Amino acid sequence: MSPVSYPSHERTHVGQIAAIIAATVFLALGLFQLALAVGAPLGHAAWGGDSARLTAGQRIGSAISIVVYAAAAAVVLARAGITQWPRAHRLLKWGPWLLAILFALSALANFASASRWENLLFGPAAVVLAILCVIVARIPPTR
């Protein structure tokens, strides 16, 4: 049996929906990281869950994560044609694939964590993000 092939416009529409969902999750994760970076006692849900309060290094890591999540949202939205990118760029072609790999690895780390929050919330979220990024990466290129 051969795989089902969908017309490119249908794949584009599904990809745009996936990009919007992914960007929304990236935004939520970025807000969570912002809360951690400014000192909210949510450390049991991040960074291995060792302590409610993060160390200065972990707070800096959370601040860096905000930039990573914002960039990830920008890449998937631009790849889906929802937002504009300054010019055609290889990042739009390969970025969603890189994000898919990154979040698949993140899922493994979250599932292996001692933190129940990471196991039950962030592990599954990373799996969903990896799948959404693959869907976005498969959007037919625009000419």
C-alpha atoms as a PDB file:
ATOM      1  CA  MET A   1       0.000   0.000   0.000  1.00  0.00           C
ATOM      2  CA  SER A   2       1.470   3.354  -0.953  1.00  0.00           C
ATOM      3  CA  PRO A   3       1.498   6.342   1.424  1.00  0.00           C
ATOM      4  CA  VAL A   4      -1.279   8.884   1.076  1.00  0.00           C
ATOM      5  CA  SER A   5      -0.248  12.039  -0.748  1.00  0.00           C
ATOM      6  CA  TYR A   6      -2.021  15.287   0.030  1.00  0.00           C
ATOM      7  CA  PRO A   7      -2.196  18.288  -2.291  1.00  0.00           C
ATOM      8  CA  SER A   8       0.350  20.953  -1.366  1.00  0.00           C
ATOM      9  CA  HIS A   9      -2.328  23.496  -0.394  1.00  0.00           C
ATOM     10  CA  GLU A  10      -3.761  21.070   2.176  1.00  0.00           C
ATOM     11  CA  ARG A  11      -0.299  20.394   3.571  1.00  0.00           C
ATOM     12  CA  THR A  12       0.293  24.143   3.738  1.00  0.00           C
ATOM     13  CA  HIS A  13      -2.946  24.715   5.661  1.00  0.00           C
ATOM     14  CA  VAL A  14      -2.197  21.915   8.127  1.00  0.00           C
ATOM     15  CA  GLY A  15       1.346  23.242   8.446  1.00  0.00           C
ATOM     16  CA  GLN A  16       0.082  26.739   9.232  1.00  0.00           C
ATOM     17  CA  ILE A  17      -2.163  25.378  11.970  1.00  0.00           C
ATOM     18  CA  ALA A  18       0.782  23.384  13.342  1.00  0.00           C
ATOM     19  CA  ALA A  19       2.961  26.501  13.259  1.00  0.00           C
ATOM     20  CA  ILE A  20       0.388  28.540  15.180  1.00  0.00           C
ATOM     21  CA  ILE A  21       0.023  25.833  17.819  1.00  0.00           C
ATOM     22  CA  ALA A  22       3.808  25.442  18.095  1.00  0.00           C
ATOM     23  CA  ALA A  23       4.333  29.198  18.369  1.00  0.00           C
ATOM     24  CA  THR A  24       1.689  29.354  21.106  1.00  0.00           C
ATOM     25  CA  VAL A  25       3.437  26.602  23.061  1.00  0.00           C
ATOM     26  CA  PHE A  26       6.797  28.338  22.520  1.00  0.00           C
ATOM     27  CA  LEU A  27       5.244  31.540  23.888  1.00  0.00           C
ATOM     28  CA  ALA A  28       3.918  29.702  26.961  1.00  0.00           C
ATOM     29  CA  LEU A  29       7.309  28.075  27.569  1.00  0.00           C
ATOM     30  CA  GLY A  30       9.011  31.433  27.124  1.00  0.00           C
ATOM     31  CA  LEU A  31       6.704  32.992  29.730  1.00  0.00           C
ATOM     32  CA  PHE A  32       7.475  30.135  32.112  1.00  0.00           C
ATOM     33  CA  GLN A  33      11.198  30.663  31.571  1.00  0.00           C
ATOM     34  CA  LEU A  34      10.713  34.407  32.140  1.00  0.00           C
ATOM     35  CA  ALA A  35       9.077  33.657  35.482  1.00  0.00           C
ATOM     36  CA  LEU A  36      12.038  31.446  36.394  1.00  0.00           C
ATOM     37  CA  ALA A  37      14.568  34.045  35.238  1.00  0.00           C
ATOM     38  CA  VAL A  38      13.053  36.741  37.456  1.00  0.00           C
ATOM     39  CA  GLY A  39      13.053  34.450  40.487  1.00  0.00           C
ATOM     40  CA  ALA A  40       9.628  32.814  40.693  1.00  0.00           C
ATOM     41  CA  PRO A  41       9.846  29.712  42.924  1.00  0.00           C
ATOM     42  CA  LEU A  42       8.980  27.281  40.140  1.00  0.00           C
ATOM     43  CA  GLY A  43      12.292  25.453  40.034  1.00  0.00           C
ATOM     44  CA  HIS A  44      10.718  22.122  40.967  1.00  0.00           C
ATOM     45  CA  ALA A  45       9.220  22.123  37.463  1.00  0.00           C
ATOM     46  CA  ALA A  46      12.502  22.889  35.680  1.00  0.00           C
ATOM     47  CA  TRP A  47      16.226  22.253  35.639  1.00  0.00           C
ATOM     48  CA  GLY A  48      15.860  18.768  37.116  1.00  0.00           C
ATOM     49  CA  GLY A  49      13.528  19.911  39.887  1.00  0.00           C
ATOM     50  CA  ASP A  50      16.192  20.036  42.597  1.00  0.00           C
ATOM     51  CA  SER A  51      15.020  23.253  44.225  1.00  0.00           C
ATOM     52  CA  ALA A  52      12.128  25.706  44.027  1.00  0.00           C
ATOM     53  CA  ARG A  53      14.629  28.582  43.706  1.00  0.00           C
ATOM     54  CA  LEU A  54      17.073  28.524  40.824  1.00  0.00           C
ATOM     55  CA  THR A  55      20.744  29.355  41.074  1.00  0.00           C
ATOM     56  CA  ALA A  56      22.047  32.443  39.291  1.00  0.00           C
ATOM     57  CA  GLY A  57      23.412  30.222  36.512  1.00  0.00           C
ATOM     58  CA  GLN A  58      20.070  28.501  36.042  1.00  0.00           C
ATOM     59  CA  ARG A  59      18.297  31.854  35.951  1.00  0.00           C
ATOM     60  CA  ILE A  60      20.681  32.990  33.209  1.00  0.00           C
ATOM     61  CA  GLY A  61      19.955  29.729  31.378  1.00  0.00           C
ATOM     62  CA  SER A  62      16.239  30.466  31.663  1.00  0.00           C
ATOM     63  CA  ALA A  63      16.808  33.949  30.236  1.00  0.00           C
ATOM     64  CA  ILE A  64      18.675  32.433  27.285  1.00  0.00           C
ATOM     65  CA  SER A  65      15.812  29.959  26.820  1.00  0.00           C
ATOM     66  CA  ILE A  66      13.433  32.882  26.320  1.00  0.00           C
ATOM     67  CA  VAL A  67      15.465  33.965  23.282  1.00  0.00           C
ATOM     68  CA  VAL A  68      15.571  30.388  21.959  1.00  0.00           C
ATOM     69  CA  TYR A  69      11.783  30.010  22.270  1.00  0.00           C
ATOM     70  CA  ALA A  70      11.179  33.385  20.603  1.00  0.00           C
ATOM     71  CA  ALA A  71      13.481  32.415  17.725  1.00  0.00           C
ATOM     72  CA  ALA A  72      11.774  29.025  17.409  1.00  0.00           C
ATOM     73  CA  ALA A  73       8.365  30.709  17.188  1.00  0.00           C
ATOM     74  CA  ALA A  74       9.669  33.142  14.564  1.00  0.00           C
ATOM     75  CA  VAL A  75      11.126  30.313  12.460  1.00  0.00           C
ATOM     76  CA  VAL A  76       8.010  28.131  12.423  1.00  0.00           C
ATOM     77  CA  LEU A  77       5.695  31.072  11.733  1.00  0.00           C
ATOM     78  CA  ALA A  78       7.911  32.331   8.902  1.00  0.00           C
ATOM     79  CA  ARG A  79       8.307  28.825   7.428  1.00  0.00           C
ATOM     80  CA  ALA A  80       4.516  28.501   7.387  1.00  0.00           C
ATOM     81  CA  GLY A  81       4.205  31.854   5.616  1.00  0.00           C
ATOM     82  CA  ILE A  82       2.322  33.428   8.513  1.00  0.00           C
ATOM     83  CA  THR A  83       4.999  36.047   9.150  1.00  0.00           C
ATOM     84  CA  GLN A  84       7.637  37.450   6.861  1.00  0.00           C
ATOM     85  CA  TRP A  85      11.333  36.695   7.014  1.00  0.00           C
ATOM     86  CA  PRO A  86      13.709  39.362   5.697  1.00  0.00           C
ATOM     87  CA  ARG A  87      14.741  37.161   2.778  1.00  0.00           C
ATOM     88  CA  ALA A  88      14.746  33.555   1.706  1.00  0.00           C
ATOM     89  CA  HIS A  89      17.005  31.892   4.170  1.00  0.00           C
ATOM     90  CA  ARG A  90      18.314  28.385   4.770  1.00  0.00           C
ATOM     91  CA  LEU A  91      17.139  28.710   8.357  1.00  0.00           C
ATOM     92  CA  LEU A  92      13.550  28.537   7.130  1.00  0.00           C
ATOM     93  CA  LYS A  93      14.280  25.291   5.298  1.00  0.00           C
ATOM     94  CA  TRP A  94      16.349  23.564   7.962  1.00  0.00           C
ATOM     95  CA  GLY A  95      15.253  25.363  11.146  1.00  0.00           C
ATOM     96  CA  PRO A  96      12.039  23.378  11.704  1.00  0.00           C
ATOM     97  CA  TRP A  97      13.943  20.115  11.225  1.00  0.00           C
ATOM     98  CA  LEU A  98      16.579  21.247  13.718  1.00  0.00           C
ATOM     99  CA  LEU A  99      13.843  22.224  16.172  1.00  0.00           C
ATOM    100  CA  ALA A 100      12.184  18.819  15.734  1.00  0.00           C
ATOM    101  CA  ILE A 101      15.446  17.095  16.650  1.00  0.00           C
ATOM    102  CA  LEU A 102      16.089  19.481  19.534  1.00  0.00           C
ATOM    103  CA  PHE A 103      12.649  18.901  21.035  1.00  0.00           C
ATOM    104  CA  ALA A 104      12.822  15.142  20.535  1.00  0.00           C
ATOM    105  CA  LEU A 105      16.052  15.179  22.563  1.00  0.00           C
ATOM    106  CA  SER A 106      14.433  17.541  25.071  1.00  0.00           C
ATOM    107  CA  ALA A 107      11.595  15.050  25.502  1.00  0.00           C
ATOM    108  CA  LEU A 108      14.095  12.322  26.365  1.00  0.00           C
ATOM    109  CA  ALA A 109      15.780  14.572  28.934  1.00  0.00           C
ATOM    110  CA  ASN A 110      12.455  15.594  30.450  1.00  0.00           C
ATOM    111  CA  PHE A 111      11.249  12.012  30.709  1.00  0.00           C
ATOM    112  CA  ALA A 112      14.558  11.044  32.374  1.00  0.00           C
ATOM    113  CA  SER A 113      14.387  13.934  34.867  1.00  0.00           C
ATOM    114  CA  ALA A 114      13.772  13.459  38.587  1.00  0.00           C
ATOM    115  CA  SER A 115      11.129  16.200  38.370  1.00  0.00           C
ATOM    116  CA  ARG A 116       7.581  14.885  38.075  1.00  0.00           C
ATOM    117  CA  TRP A 117       6.605  18.190  36.418  1.00  0.00           C
ATOM    118  CA  GLU A 118       9.165  17.603  33.705  1.00  0.00           C
ATOM    119  CA  ASN A 119       8.049  13.979  33.331  1.00  0.00           C
ATOM    120  CA  LEU A 120       4.343  14.695  33.121  1.00  0.00           C
ATOM    121  CA  LEU A 121       4.185  18.135  31.494  1.00  0.00           C
ATOM    122  CA  PHE A 122       7.359  19.140  29.702  1.00  0.00           C
ATOM    123  CA  GLY A 123       8.223  15.694  28.294  1.00  0.00           C
ATOM    124  CA  PRO A 124       4.892  15.339  26.488  1.00  0.00           C
ATOM    125  CA  ALA A 125       5.003  19.024  25.454  1.00  0.00           C
ATOM    126  CA  ALA A 126       8.415  18.439  23.870  1.00  0.00           C
ATOM    127  CA  VAL A 127       7.080  15.409  21.962  1.00  0.00           C
ATOM    128  CA  VAL A 128       4.169  17.477  20.654  1.00  0.00           C
ATOM    129  CA  LEU A 129       6.530  20.313  19.670  1.00  0.00           C
ATOM    130  CA  ALA A 130       8.807  17.876  17.829  1.00  0.00           C
ATOM    131  CA  ILE A 131       5.839  16.522  15.857  1.00  0.00           C
ATOM    132  CA  LEU A 132       4.513  20.018  15.100  1.00  0.00           C
ATOM    133  CA  CYS A 133       7.957  21.097  13.875  1.00  0.00           C
ATOM    134  CA  VAL A 134       8.098  18.096  11.511  1.00  0.00           C
ATOM    135  CA  ILE A 135       4.677  19.061  10.142  1.00  0.00           C
ATOM    136  CA  VAL A 136       5.874  22.641   9.605  1.00  0.00           C
ATOM    137  CA  ALA A 137       9.108  21.442   8.007  1.00  0.00           C
ATOM    138  CA  ARG A 138       7.075  19.456   5.454  1.00  0.00           C
ATOM    139  CA  ILE A 139       5.210  22.522   4.176  1.00  0.00           C
ATOM    140  CA  PRO A 140       5.949  22.865   0.470  1.00  0.00           C
ATOM    141  CA  PRO A 141       8.376  25.693  -0.226  1.00  0.00           C
ATOM    142  CA  THR A 142       6.963  28.893  -1.679  1.00  0.00           C
ATOM    143  CA  ARG A 143       8.425  30.275  -4.859  1.00  0.00           C
END
